[in-house]
C-alpha cells in the first residue's frame, strides 16, 4: 500500500480518466466485499473536490435525475468526501466472509471517521453501501468498454442500483461528480465512433463536450493525465532499479527542478514507509506478542499511520497483478 504522501506520486485517478464502472473486483465469489484498490480510493478522494451541484448540460442517461437536487453542503454529514470516507473504512476493514461480518467490522471502525453525532447515521449508510457493493458485484461490466451502447447499458444498470440504495441527497453527495465525468466519457466514445464526422469535427466535438464539465472537473481530468504519466514512469524506474540520481536527472529534464525535487522526496518517503512496514511485518511473522507489536507500532509509526497499518499489511497480501478497475 502506498503511503498517502507518496501515493500522490502514483495515483492515476483512473476513475476520472474513464467511466468509473468497475468498482467491485470480478475475481472473487463475493467481489463487493473486497476493498477498492488504493488508486480507486485516492481517485474518490480527489474527485471529492469537484463541484457536485454543477450542471454539465450533457443529455442525461435515460431515467437519470439531474445532480444538484439537494446541496450536500447544507448537510454537514453529506460532505464532498463522504464516499472517500466510506471506501476508507472498507479498506480498513479488509476482506470479510459475508456482508453481515463486514457490517460488524464497520460498526467497530466507524468512530474513526465520523463525529459522535453522525455515527449512527454513518453506520446506517455504510450498511446500505455494503449492500450496494454486493449488488453491484452481480452486474456485468460491458464486454467492450469502448462500445458506447454497451457502456450506456452498463451505466444505466449501475444507476438503478444506486437509486435503489440511496436517497436523492445521498446520491448527489456520493456520485454526482463522478457521473458528470462518466457522461463526458460516454459522449467522447460516441463522437469517436461516429464515422460521419471528420477527424477535425470529432476533435471539435470532444472539446465542446469537455468544455461542459465544471472547471474543477476539467482540472481534475487534466491532472489525472499528468499523474498517469508520472506513475507509469515511476513504476518503470522501480522495476528497472533506476538509481535516485538517474531518476532525478530524467525527471528534471522532463518536469523541471521543482517537480524533480518533489518526486525525489516522495520516493524517499515511500522507501522509508515500506522499510518500516517490512520491520513490523517481520515481527508479526515471528509471532511477537500483542504487547510487543503495539510497542513496535508506536515506535515505527505515527498515530495517524497506525490507523492505516492493518489495511497496509492486508494490501501487501493481495496479488499486485490484480487490477479489477479495468479502465
C-alpha atoms as a PDB file:
ATOM      1  CA  UNK A   1       0.000   0.000   0.000  1.00  0.00           C
ATOM      2  CA  UNK A   2       1.320   3.407  -0.908  1.00  0.00           C
ATOM      3  CA  UNK A   3       1.822   5.806   1.951  1.00  0.00           C
ATOM      4  CA  UNK A   4      -0.680   8.664   1.449  1.00  0.00           C
ATOM      5  CA  UNK A   5       2.092  11.215   0.906  1.00  0.00           C
ATOM      6  CA  UNK A   6       3.897   9.023  -1.608  1.00  0.00           C
ATOM      7  CA  UNK A   7       0.641   7.908  -3.142  1.00  0.00           C
ATOM      8  CA  UNK A   8       0.279  11.360  -4.661  1.00  0.00           C
ATOM      9  CA  UNK A   9       3.025  10.263  -6.998  1.00  0.00           C
ATOM     10  CA  UNK A  10       1.410   7.024  -8.109  1.00  0.00           C
ATOM     11  CA  UNK A  11      -2.261   7.952  -8.153  1.00  0.00           C
ATOM     12  CA  UNK A  12      -3.505   7.817 -11.739  1.00  0.00           C
ATOM     13  CA  UNK A  13      -7.032   8.831 -10.821  1.00  0.00           C
ATOM     14  CA  UNK A  14      -8.255   6.094 -13.114  1.00  0.00           C
ATOM     15  CA  UNK A  15     -11.836   6.633 -12.100  1.00  0.00           C
ATOM     16  CA  UNK A  16     -11.727  10.063 -13.700  1.00  0.00           C
ATOM     17  CA  UNK A  17      -9.982   9.035 -16.908  1.00  0.00           C
ATOM     18  CA  UNK A  18     -12.658   6.613 -17.963  1.00  0.00           C
ATOM     19  CA  UNK A  19     -16.047   5.540 -16.766  1.00  0.00           C
ATOM     20  CA  UNK A  20     -15.813   4.552 -13.119  1.00  0.00           C
ATOM     21  CA  UNK A  21     -17.848   1.420 -13.614  1.00  0.00           C
ATOM     22  CA  UNK A  22     -15.660  -1.370 -12.308  1.00  0.00           C
ATOM     23  CA  UNK A  23     -15.964  -0.731  -8.594  1.00  0.00           C
ATOM     24  CA  UNK A  24     -16.087  -4.355  -7.493  1.00  0.00           C
ATOM     25  CA  UNK A  25     -13.447  -6.955  -8.333  1.00  0.00           C
ATOM     26  CA  UNK A  26     -14.587  -9.790 -10.572  1.00  0.00           C
ATOM     27  CA  UNK A  27     -12.187 -12.442  -9.289  1.00  0.00           C
ATOM     28  CA  UNK A  28     -13.936 -13.319  -6.051  1.00  0.00           C
ATOM     29  CA  UNK A  29     -17.086 -15.162  -5.114  1.00  0.00           C
ATOM     30  CA  UNK A  30     -18.043 -12.164  -3.005  1.00  0.00           C
ATOM     31  CA  UNK A  31     -16.439  -9.380  -5.050  1.00  0.00           C
ATOM     32  CA  UNK A  32     -18.099  -6.402  -3.463  1.00  0.00           C
ATOM     33  CA  UNK A  33     -16.816  -7.370  -0.024  1.00  0.00           C
ATOM     34  CA  UNK A  34     -13.238  -6.655  -1.052  1.00  0.00           C
ATOM     35  CA  UNK A  35     -11.915  -3.111  -0.617  1.00  0.00           C
ATOM     36  CA  UNK A  36     -11.286  -0.960  -3.642  1.00  0.00           C
ATOM     37  CA  UNK A  37      -7.687  -0.749  -4.823  1.00  0.00           C
ATOM     38  CA  UNK A  38      -5.683   2.061  -3.307  1.00  0.00           C
ATOM     39  CA  UNK A  39      -5.833   4.048  -6.542  1.00  0.00           C
ATOM     40  CA  UNK A  40      -9.603   3.895  -6.535  1.00  0.00           C
ATOM     41  CA  UNK A  41      -9.771   5.272  -3.004  1.00  0.00           C
ATOM     42  CA  UNK A  42      -7.381   8.031  -3.968  1.00  0.00           C
ATOM     43  CA  UNK A  43      -9.483   8.737  -7.019  1.00  0.00           C
ATOM     44  CA  UNK A  44     -12.584   9.066  -4.884  1.00  0.00           C
ATOM     45  CA  UNK A  45     -10.709  11.435  -2.591  1.00  0.00           C
ATOM     46  CA  UNK A  46      -9.541  13.586  -5.495  1.00  0.00           C
ATOM     47  CA  UNK A  47     -12.982  13.579  -7.046  1.00  0.00           C
ATOM     48  CA  UNK A  48     -14.408  14.999  -3.830  1.00  0.00           C
ATOM     49  CA  UNK A  49     -13.092  18.398  -4.838  1.00  0.00           C
ATOM     50  CA  UNK A  50     -15.307  18.534  -7.925  1.00  0.00           C
ATOM     51  CA  UNK A  51     -18.465  20.593  -7.691  1.00  0.00           C
ATOM     52  CA  UNK A  52     -21.242  18.076  -7.137  1.00  0.00           C
ATOM     53  CA  UNK A  53     -24.001  20.566  -7.873  1.00  0.00           C
ATOM     54  CA  UNK A  54     -22.642  21.834 -11.179  1.00  0.00           C
ATOM     55  CA  UNK A  55     -24.691  21.285 -14.301  1.00  0.00           C
ATOM     56  CA  UNK A  56     -22.847  19.845 -17.285  1.00  0.00           C
ATOM     57  CA  UNK A  57     -25.502  20.407 -19.910  1.00  0.00           C
ATOM     58  CA  UNK A  58     -24.964  16.906 -21.277  1.00  0.00           C
ATOM     59  CA  UNK A  59     -28.057  14.787 -22.010  1.00  0.00           C
ATOM     60  CA  UNK A  60     -28.785  12.617 -19.002  1.00  0.00           C
ATOM     61  CA  UNK A  61     -28.732   8.866 -19.162  1.00  0.00           C
ATOM     62  CA  UNK A  62     -32.290   7.524 -19.509  1.00  0.00           C
ATOM     63  CA  UNK A  63     -34.037   7.757 -16.146  1.00  0.00           C
ATOM     64  CA  UNK A  64     -31.250   9.829 -14.606  1.00  0.00           C
ATOM     65  CA  UNK A  65     -32.082  12.801 -12.428  1.00  0.00           C
ATOM     66  CA  UNK A  66     -30.023  15.942 -12.705  1.00  0.00           C
ATOM     67  CA  UNK A  67     -27.330  16.170  -9.994  1.00  0.00           C
ATOM     68  CA  UNK A  68     -27.817  19.036  -7.585  1.00  0.00           C
ATOM     69  CA  UNK A  69     -31.380  18.321  -6.471  1.00  0.00           C
ATOM     70  CA  UNK A  70     -30.035  18.683  -2.943  1.00  0.00           C
ATOM     71  CA  UNK A  71     -27.000  20.663  -1.886  1.00  0.00           C
ATOM     72  CA  UNK A  72     -24.621  18.418   0.100  1.00  0.00           C
ATOM     73  CA  UNK A  73     -23.109  21.476   1.753  1.00  0.00           C
ATOM     74  CA  UNK A  74     -26.396  22.218   3.528  1.00  0.00           C
ATOM     75  CA  UNK A  75     -25.996  18.961   5.424  1.00  0.00           C
ATOM     76  CA  UNK A  76     -22.707  18.742   7.329  1.00  0.00           C
ATOM     77  CA  UNK A  77     -22.825  14.954   7.083  1.00  0.00           C
ATOM     78  CA  UNK A  78     -23.136  14.849   3.281  1.00  0.00           C
ATOM     79  CA  UNK A  79     -19.705  16.294   2.546  1.00  0.00           C
ATOM     80  CA  UNK A  80     -17.915  16.020  -0.789  1.00  0.00           C
ATOM     81  CA  UNK A  81     -15.523  13.448   0.666  1.00  0.00           C
ATOM     82  CA  UNK A  82     -18.263  11.187   2.030  1.00  0.00           C
ATOM     83  CA  UNK A  83     -17.624   8.419  -0.474  1.00  0.00           C
ATOM     84  CA  UNK A  84     -13.916   8.534   0.267  1.00  0.00           C
ATOM     85  CA  UNK A  85     -14.685   8.058   3.961  1.00  0.00           C
ATOM     86  CA  UNK A  86     -16.859   5.030   3.210  1.00  0.00           C
ATOM     87  CA  UNK A  87     -14.235   3.459   0.979  1.00  0.00           C
ATOM     88  CA  UNK A  88     -11.501   4.183   3.527  1.00  0.00           C
ATOM     89  CA  UNK A  89     -13.489   2.260   6.131  1.00  0.00           C
ATOM     90  CA  UNK A  90     -13.995  -0.654   3.730  1.00  0.00           C
ATOM     91  CA  UNK A  91     -10.281  -0.651   3.041  1.00  0.00           C
ATOM     92  CA  UNK A  92      -9.501  -0.693   6.747  1.00  0.00           C
ATOM     93  CA  UNK A  93     -11.983  -3.495   7.366  1.00  0.00           C
ATOM     94  CA  UNK A  94     -10.382  -5.652   4.665  1.00  0.00           C
ATOM     95  CA  UNK A  95     -11.934  -8.819   3.266  1.00  0.00           C
ATOM     96  CA  UNK A  96     -14.863 -10.488   5.017  1.00  0.00           C
ATOM     97  CA  UNK A  97     -16.648 -13.808   4.682  1.00  0.00           C
ATOM     98  CA  UNK A  98     -20.083 -12.250   4.371  1.00  0.00           C
ATOM     99  CA  UNK A  99     -21.848  -8.884   4.226  1.00  0.00           C
ATOM    100  CA  UNK A 100     -23.029  -9.391   7.796  1.00  0.00           C
ATOM    101  CA  UNK A 101     -19.473  -9.941   9.031  1.00  0.00           C
ATOM    102  CA  UNK A 102     -18.266  -6.878   7.173  1.00  0.00           C
ATOM    103  CA  UNK A 103     -21.023  -4.749   8.691  1.00  0.00           C
ATOM    104  CA  UNK A 104     -19.958  -5.877  12.164  1.00  0.00           C
ATOM    105  CA  UNK A 105     -16.372  -4.836  11.438  1.00  0.00           C
ATOM    106  CA  UNK A 106     -17.516  -1.473  10.136  1.00  0.00           C
ATOM    107  CA  UNK A 107     -19.575  -0.867  13.267  1.00  0.00           C
ATOM    108  CA  UNK A 108     -16.361  -1.032  15.271  1.00  0.00           C
ATOM    109  CA  UNK A 109     -14.451   1.198  12.857  1.00  0.00           C
ATOM    110  CA  UNK A 110     -16.972   3.937  12.166  1.00  0.00           C
ATOM    111  CA  UNK A 111     -15.886   6.024  15.142  1.00  0.00           C
ATOM    112  CA  UNK A 112     -12.533   6.643  13.410  1.00  0.00           C
ATOM    113  CA  UNK A 113     -14.090   8.617  10.576  1.00  0.00           C
ATOM    114  CA  UNK A 114     -17.211  10.316  11.942  1.00  0.00           C
ATOM    115  CA  UNK A 115     -18.186  12.581  14.782  1.00  0.00           C
ATOM    116  CA  UNK A 116     -20.210  11.058  17.598  1.00  0.00           C
ATOM    117  CA  UNK A 117     -23.385  12.817  16.435  1.00  0.00           C
ATOM    118  CA  UNK A 118     -23.044  11.278  12.963  1.00  0.00           C
ATOM    119  CA  UNK A 119     -22.015   7.709  13.807  1.00  0.00           C
ATOM    120  CA  UNK A 120     -25.469   6.153  13.896  1.00  0.00           C
ATOM    121  CA  UNK A 121     -26.353   7.754  10.576  1.00  0.00           C
ATOM    122  CA  UNK A 122     -22.967   6.835   9.112  1.00  0.00           C
ATOM    123  CA  UNK A 123     -23.340   3.190  10.078  1.00  0.00           C
ATOM    124  CA  UNK A 124     -26.808   3.006   8.524  1.00  0.00           C
ATOM    125  CA  UNK A 125     -25.402   4.485   5.316  1.00  0.00           C
ATOM    126  CA  UNK A 126     -22.421   2.134   5.423  1.00  0.00           C
ATOM    127  CA  UNK A 127     -24.736  -0.873   5.722  1.00  0.00           C
ATOM    128  CA  UNK A 128     -26.609   0.227   2.604  1.00  0.00           C
ATOM    129  CA  UNK A 129     -23.320   0.960   0.865  1.00  0.00           C
ATOM    130  CA  UNK A 130     -22.194  -2.607   1.550  1.00  0.00           C
ATOM    131  CA  UNK A 131     -25.489  -3.895   0.151  1.00  0.00           C
ATOM    132  CA  UNK A 132     -24.987  -1.702  -2.906  1.00  0.00           C
ATOM    133  CA  UNK A 133     -21.466  -3.013  -3.442  1.00  0.00           C
ATOM    134  CA  UNK A 134     -22.706  -6.596  -3.135  1.00  0.00           C
ATOM    135  CA  UNK A 135     -25.464  -5.948  -5.664  1.00  0.00           C
ATOM    136  CA  UNK A 136     -23.000  -4.211  -7.975  1.00  0.00           C
ATOM    137  CA  UNK A 137     -20.875  -7.328  -7.986  1.00  0.00           C
ATOM    138  CA  UNK A 138     -23.747  -9.179  -9.680  1.00  0.00           C
ATOM    139  CA  UNK A 139     -23.942  -6.707 -12.555  1.00  0.00           C
ATOM    140  CA  UNK A 140     -21.727  -7.487 -15.505  1.00  0.00           C
ATOM    141  CA  UNK A 141     -19.368  -4.851 -16.838  1.00  0.00           C
ATOM    142  CA  UNK A 142     -19.598  -4.193 -20.575  1.00  0.00           C
ATOM    143  CA  UNK A 143     -17.806  -6.801 -22.664  1.00  0.00           C
ATOM    144  CA  UNK A 144     -16.286  -3.985 -24.705  1.00  0.00           C
ATOM    145  CA  UNK A 145     -15.732  -0.849 -22.582  1.00  0.00           C
ATOM    146  CA  UNK A 146     -15.151   1.127 -25.778  1.00  0.00           C
ATOM    147  CA  UNK A 147     -18.603   0.290 -27.165  1.00  0.00           C
ATOM    148  CA  UNK A 148     -20.829   3.294 -26.323  1.00  0.00           C
ATOM    149  CA  UNK A 149     -24.046   1.250 -26.471  1.00  0.00           C
ATOM    150  CA  UNK A 150     -22.733  -1.434 -24.113  1.00  0.00           C
ATOM    151  CA  UNK A 151     -21.292   1.198 -21.827  1.00  0.00           C
ATOM    152  CA  UNK A 152     -24.578   3.101 -21.674  1.00  0.00           C
ATOM    153  CA  UNK A 153     -26.421  -0.102 -20.767  1.00  0.00           C
ATOM    154  CA  UNK A 154     -23.916  -0.802 -18.003  1.00  0.00           C
ATOM    155  CA  UNK A 155     -24.162   2.725 -16.633  1.00  0.00           C
ATOM    156  CA  UNK A 156     -27.951   2.535 -16.576  1.00  0.00           C
ATOM    157  CA  UNK A 157     -27.786  -0.711 -14.581  1.00  0.00           C
ATOM    158  CA  UNK A 158     -25.361   0.833 -12.102  1.00  0.00           C
ATOM    159  CA  UNK A 159     -27.522   3.921 -11.793  1.00  0.00           C
ATOM    160  CA  UNK A 160     -30.634   1.883 -10.996  1.00  0.00           C
ATOM    161  CA  UNK A 161     -28.785   0.147  -8.181  1.00  0.00           C
ATOM    162  CA  UNK A 162     -27.676   3.466  -6.750  1.00  0.00           C
ATOM    163  CA  UNK A 163     -31.198   4.839  -6.829  1.00  0.00           C
ATOM    164  CA  UNK A 164     -32.448   1.739  -5.020  1.00  0.00           C
ATOM    165  CA  UNK A 165     -29.989   2.128  -2.150  1.00  0.00           C
ATOM    166  CA  UNK A 166     -29.631   5.889  -1.634  1.00  0.00           C
ATOM    167  CA  UNK A 167     -31.945   8.870  -1.387  1.00  0.00           C
ATOM    168  CA  UNK A 168     -31.542  11.939  -3.575  1.00  0.00           C
ATOM    169  CA  UNK A 169     -29.213  13.919  -1.300  1.00  0.00           C
ATOM    170  CA  UNK A 170     -27.018  10.892  -0.589  1.00  0.00           C
ATOM    171  CA  UNK A 171     -26.911  10.078  -4.287  1.00  0.00           C
ATOM    172  CA  UNK A 172     -25.713  13.589  -5.098  1.00  0.00           C
ATOM    173  CA  UNK A 173     -23.010  13.634  -2.416  1.00  0.00           C
ATOM    174  CA  UNK A 174     -21.700  10.190  -3.320  1.00  0.00           C
ATOM    175  CA  UNK A 175     -21.875  10.068  -7.093  1.00  0.00           C
ATOM    176  CA  UNK A 176     -22.758  13.349  -8.843  1.00  0.00           C
ATOM    177  CA  UNK A 177     -19.232  14.450  -9.730  1.00  0.00           C
ATOM    178  CA  UNK A 178     -18.261  11.014 -10.957  1.00  0.00           C
ATOM    179  CA  UNK A 179     -21.345  10.752 -13.142  1.00  0.00           C
ATOM    180  CA  UNK A 180     -20.596  14.061 -14.849  1.00  0.00           C
ATOM    181  CA  UNK A 181     -17.268  12.614 -15.923  1.00  0.00           C
ATOM    182  CA  UNK A 182     -18.955   9.357 -16.919  1.00  0.00           C
ATOM    183  CA  UNK A 183     -21.294  11.275 -19.216  1.00  0.00           C
ATOM    184  CA  UNK A 184     -18.315  13.024 -20.770  1.00  0.00           C
ATOM    185  CA  UNK A 185     -16.580   9.691 -21.369  1.00  0.00           C
ATOM    186  CA  UNK A 186     -19.713   8.279 -22.969  1.00  0.00           C
ATOM    187  CA  UNK A 187     -20.087  11.348 -25.174  1.00  0.00           C
ATOM    188  CA  UNK A 188     -16.439  11.110 -26.208  1.00  0.00           C
ATOM    189  CA  UNK A 189     -16.811   7.457 -27.210  1.00  0.00           C
ATOM    190  CA  UNK A 190     -19.937   8.213 -29.224  1.00  0.00           C
ATOM    191  CA  UNK A 191     -18.150  11.034 -31.022  1.00  0.00           C
ATOM    192  CA  UNK A 192     -15.111   8.897 -31.774  1.00  0.00           C
ATOM    193  CA  UNK A 193     -17.320   6.109 -33.152  1.00  0.00           C
ATOM    194  CA  UNK A 194     -19.284   8.499 -35.371  1.00  0.00           C
ATOM    195  CA  UNK A 195     -17.874   7.782 -38.827  1.00  0.00           C
ATOM    196  CA  UNK A 196     -19.921  10.627 -40.316  1.00  0.00           C
ATOM    197  CA  UNK A 197     -17.596  13.134 -38.624  1.00  0.00           C
ATOM    198  CA  UNK A 198     -14.165  14.065 -39.907  1.00  0.00           C
ATOM    199  CA  UNK A 199     -11.192  13.918 -37.544  1.00  0.00           C
ATOM    200  CA  UNK A 200     -11.338  17.700 -37.190  1.00  0.00           C
ATOM    201  CA  UNK A 201     -15.073  17.599 -36.425  1.00  0.00           C
ATOM    202  CA  UNK A 202     -14.556  14.840 -33.856  1.00  0.00           C
ATOM    203  CA  UNK A 203     -11.824  16.831 -32.136  1.00  0.00           C
ATOM    204  CA  UNK A 204     -14.047  19.905 -32.008  1.00  0.00           C
ATOM    205  CA  UNK A 205     -16.987  17.889 -30.652  1.00  0.00           C
ATOM    206  CA  UNK A 206     -14.850  16.315 -27.907  1.00  0.00           C
ATOM    207  CA  UNK A 207     -13.527  19.763 -26.989  1.00  0.00           C
ATOM    208  CA  UNK A 208     -17.105  21.050 -26.774  1.00  0.00           C
ATOM    209  CA  UNK A 209     -18.139  18.125 -24.579  1.00  0.00           C
ATOM    210  CA  UNK A 210     -15.182  18.695 -22.269  1.00  0.00           C
ATOM    211  CA  UNK A 211     -15.973  22.410 -22.031  1.00  0.00           C
ATOM    212  CA  UNK A 212     -19.302  21.490 -20.446  1.00  0.00           C
ATOM    213  CA  UNK A 213     -17.543  19.970 -17.460  1.00  0.00           C
ATOM    214  CA  UNK A 214     -17.011  22.229 -14.478  1.00  0.00           C
ATOM    215  CA  UNK A 215     -13.642  23.959 -14.141  1.00  0.00           C
ATOM    216  CA  UNK A 216     -12.740  21.662 -11.255  1.00  0.00           C
ATOM    217  CA  UNK A 217     -13.677  18.539 -13.190  1.00  0.00           C
ATOM    218  CA  UNK A 218     -11.630  19.623 -16.206  1.00  0.00           C
ATOM    219  CA  UNK A 219      -8.674  20.379 -13.959  1.00  0.00           C
ATOM    220  CA  UNK A 220      -9.051  17.019 -12.249  1.00  0.00           C
ATOM    221  CA  UNK A 221      -9.106  15.210 -15.570  1.00  0.00           C
ATOM    222  CA  UNK A 222      -6.063  17.119 -16.830  1.00  0.00           C
ATOM    223  CA  UNK A 223      -4.236  16.384 -13.598  1.00  0.00           C
ATOM    224  CA  UNK A 224      -5.137  12.717 -13.926  1.00  0.00           C
ATOM    225  CA  UNK A 225      -3.472  12.542 -17.320  1.00  0.00           C
ATOM    226  CA  UNK A 226      -0.322  14.098 -15.895  1.00  0.00           C
ATOM    227  CA  UNK A 227      -0.334  11.816 -12.859  1.00  0.00           C
ATOM    228  CA  UNK A 228      -0.771   8.791 -15.072  1.00  0.00           C
ATOM    229  CA  UNK A 229       2.418   9.618 -16.951  1.00  0.00           C
ATOM    230  CA  UNK A 230       4.370  10.206 -13.741  1.00  0.00           C
ATOM    231  CA  UNK A 231       3.033   6.988 -12.192  1.00  0.00           C
ATOM    232  CA  UNK A 232       3.958   4.943 -15.271  1.00  0.00           C
ATOM    233  CA  UNK A 233       7.453   6.425 -15.293  1.00  0.00           C
ATOM    234  CA  UNK A 234       7.954   5.736 -11.583  1.00  0.00           C
ATOM    235  CA  UNK A 235       6.739   2.144 -11.957  1.00  0.00           C
ATOM    236  CA  UNK A 236       9.266   1.685 -14.770  1.00  0.00           C
ATOM    237  CA  UNK A 237      12.019   3.167 -12.596  1.00  0.00           C
ATOM    238  CA  UNK A 238      11.120   0.775  -9.779  1.00  0.00           C
ATOM    239  CA  UNK A 239      11.049  -2.314 -11.982  1.00  0.00           C
ATOM    240  CA  UNK A 240      14.354  -1.393 -13.632  1.00  0.00           C
ATOM    241  CA  UNK A 241      16.136  -0.452 -10.414  1.00  0.00           C
ATOM    242  CA  UNK A 242      16.977   3.034 -11.677  1.00  0.00           C
ATOM    243  CA  UNK A 243      19.213   4.938  -9.266  1.00  0.00           C
ATOM    244  CA  UNK A 244      17.974   8.061  -7.458  1.00  0.00           C
ATOM    245  CA  UNK A 245      20.498  10.134  -9.393  1.00  0.00           C
ATOM    246  CA  UNK A 246      19.263   8.905 -12.782  1.00  0.00           C
ATOM    247  CA  UNK A 247      15.625   9.317 -11.708  1.00  0.00           C
ATOM    248  CA  UNK A 248      16.287  12.919 -10.757  1.00  0.00           C
ATOM    249  CA  UNK A 249      18.129  13.647 -13.995  1.00  0.00           C
ATOM    250  CA  UNK A 250      15.315  12.278 -16.167  1.00  0.00           C
ATOM    251  CA  UNK A 251      12.589  13.971 -14.168  1.00  0.00           C
ATOM    252  CA  UNK A 252      14.462  17.264 -14.133  1.00  0.00           C
ATOM    253  CA  UNK A 253      14.747  17.182 -17.917  1.00  0.00           C
ATOM    254  CA  UNK A 254      11.063  16.351 -18.319  1.00  0.00           C
ATOM    255  CA  UNK A 255       9.317  18.228 -15.489  1.00  0.00           C
ATOM    256  CA  UNK A 256      11.812  20.802 -14.182  1.00  0.00           C
ATOM    257  CA  UNK A 257      13.771  21.211 -10.938  1.00  0.00           C
ATOM    258  CA  UNK A 258      10.871  21.761  -8.547  1.00  0.00           C
ATOM    259  CA  UNK A 259       8.914  18.711  -9.690  1.00  0.00           C
ATOM    260  CA  UNK A 260      12.012  16.518  -9.769  1.00  0.00           C
ATOM    261  CA  UNK A 261      12.864  17.501  -6.186  1.00  0.00           C
ATOM    262  CA  UNK A 262       9.305  16.839  -5.028  1.00  0.00           C
ATOM    263  CA  UNK A 263       9.216  13.442  -6.710  1.00  0.00           C
ATOM    264  CA  UNK A 264      12.573  12.548  -5.166  1.00  0.00           C
ATOM    265  CA  UNK A 265      11.185  13.425  -1.734  1.00  0.00           C
ATOM    266  CA  UNK A 266       8.158  11.245  -2.341  1.00  0.00           C
ATOM    267  CA  UNK A 267      10.436   8.398  -3.437  1.00  0.00           C
ATOM    268  CA  UNK A 268      12.350   8.675  -0.150  1.00  0.00           C
ATOM    269  CA  UNK A 269       9.162   8.775   1.904  1.00  0.00           C
ATOM    270  CA  UNK A 270       7.785   5.737   0.119  1.00  0.00           C
ATOM    271  CA  UNK A 271      11.006   3.812   0.625  1.00  0.00           C
ATOM    272  CA  UNK A 272      11.004   4.709   4.332  1.00  0.00           C
ATOM    273  CA  UNK A 273       7.328   3.721   4.698  1.00  0.00           C
ATOM    274  CA  UNK A 274       7.923   0.344   3.039  1.00  0.00           C
ATOM    275  CA  UNK A 275      11.000  -0.304   5.184  1.00  0.00           C
ATOM    276  CA  UNK A 276       9.020   0.322   8.360  1.00  0.00           C
ATOM    277  CA  UNK A 277       6.266  -1.954   7.116  1.00  0.00           C
ATOM    278  CA  UNK A 278       8.910  -4.628   6.487  1.00  0.00           C
ATOM    279  CA  UNK A 279      10.156  -4.343  10.074  1.00  0.00           C
ATOM    280  CA  UNK A 280       6.658  -4.557  11.512  1.00  0.00           C
ATOM    281  CA  UNK A 281       5.614  -7.448   9.254  1.00  0.00           C
ATOM    282  CA  UNK A 282       8.769  -9.362  10.194  1.00  0.00           C
ATOM    283  CA  UNK A 283       7.981  -9.020  13.892  1.00  0.00           C
ATOM    284  CA  UNK A 284       4.423 -10.134  13.251  1.00  0.00           C
ATOM    285  CA  UNK A 285       5.609 -13.159  11.285  1.00  0.00           C
ATOM    286  CA  UNK A 286       7.838 -14.362  14.154  1.00  0.00           C
ATOM    287  CA  UNK A 287       4.804 -14.360  16.457  1.00  0.00           C
ATOM    288  CA  UNK A 288       5.666 -11.350  18.540  1.00  0.00           C
ATOM    289  CA  UNK A 289       3.230 -10.822  21.392  1.00  0.00           C
ATOM    290  CA  UNK A 290       0.421  -8.258  21.065  1.00  0.00           C
ATOM    291  CA  UNK A 291       2.217  -6.062  23.604  1.00  0.00           C
ATOM    292  CA  UNK A 292       5.454  -6.242  21.623  1.00  0.00           C
ATOM    293  CA  UNK A 293       3.661  -5.426  18.389  1.00  0.00           C
ATOM    294  CA  UNK A 294       1.911  -2.470  19.997  1.00  0.00           C
ATOM    295  CA  UNK A 295       5.210  -1.136  21.306  1.00  0.00           C
ATOM    296  CA  UNK A 296       6.881  -1.590  17.928  1.00  0.00           C
ATOM    297  CA  UNK A 297       3.970   0.051  16.147  1.00  0.00           C
ATOM    298  CA  UNK A 298       4.213   3.082  18.389  1.00  0.00           C
ATOM    299  CA  UNK A 299       7.962   3.264  17.743  1.00  0.00           C
ATOM    300  CA  UNK A 300       7.765   2.944  13.954  1.00  0.00           C
ATOM    301  CA  UNK A 301       4.561   4.797  13.073  1.00  0.00           C
ATOM    302  CA  UNK A 302       2.789   7.999  13.929  1.00  0.00           C
ATOM    303  CA  UNK A 303      -0.686   7.873  15.460  1.00  0.00           C
ATOM    304  CA  UNK A 304      -2.232   8.594  12.060  1.00  0.00           C
ATOM    305  CA  UNK A 305      -0.139   5.915  10.369  1.00  0.00           C
ATOM    306  CA  UNK A 306      -1.117   3.327  12.981  1.00  0.00           C
ATOM    307  CA  UNK A 307      -4.760   3.728  11.932  1.00  0.00           C
ATOM    308  CA  UNK A 308      -3.795   2.599   8.422  1.00  0.00           C
ATOM    309  CA  UNK A 309      -1.372  -0.126   9.450  1.00  0.00           C
ATOM    310  CA  UNK A 310      -3.692  -3.134   9.237  1.00  0.00           C
ATOM    311  CA  UNK A 311      -5.028  -2.024   5.862  1.00  0.00           C
ATOM    312  CA  UNK A 312      -1.483  -1.528   4.551  1.00  0.00           C
ATOM    313  CA  UNK A 313      -0.435  -5.011   5.620  1.00  0.00           C
ATOM    314  CA  UNK A 314      -3.607  -6.516   4.167  1.00  0.00           C
ATOM    315  CA  UNK A 315      -2.967  -4.886   0.799  1.00  0.00           C
ATOM    316  CA  UNK A 316       0.510  -6.348   0.763  1.00  0.00           C
ATOM    317  CA  UNK A 317      -1.063  -9.797   0.727  1.00  0.00           C
ATOM    318  CA  UNK A 318      -3.099  -9.061  -2.381  1.00  0.00           C
ATOM    319  CA  UNK A 319      -1.625 -10.013  -5.760  1.00  0.00           C
ATOM    320  CA  UNK A 320      -0.117  -6.956  -7.385  1.00  0.00           C
ATOM    321  CA  UNK A 321      -1.326  -8.098 -10.769  1.00  0.00           C
ATOM    322  CA  UNK A 322      -4.958  -7.960  -9.712  1.00  0.00           C
ATOM    323  CA  UNK A 323      -6.343  -4.791 -11.235  1.00  0.00           C
ATOM    324  CA  UNK A 324     -10.124  -5.052 -11.091  1.00  0.00           C
ATOM    325  CA  UNK A 325     -10.560  -1.443 -12.129  1.00  0.00           C
ATOM    326  CA  UNK A 326     -10.421  -2.095 -15.864  1.00  0.00           C
ATOM    327  CA  UNK A 327     -10.440   1.314 -17.442  1.00  0.00           C
END
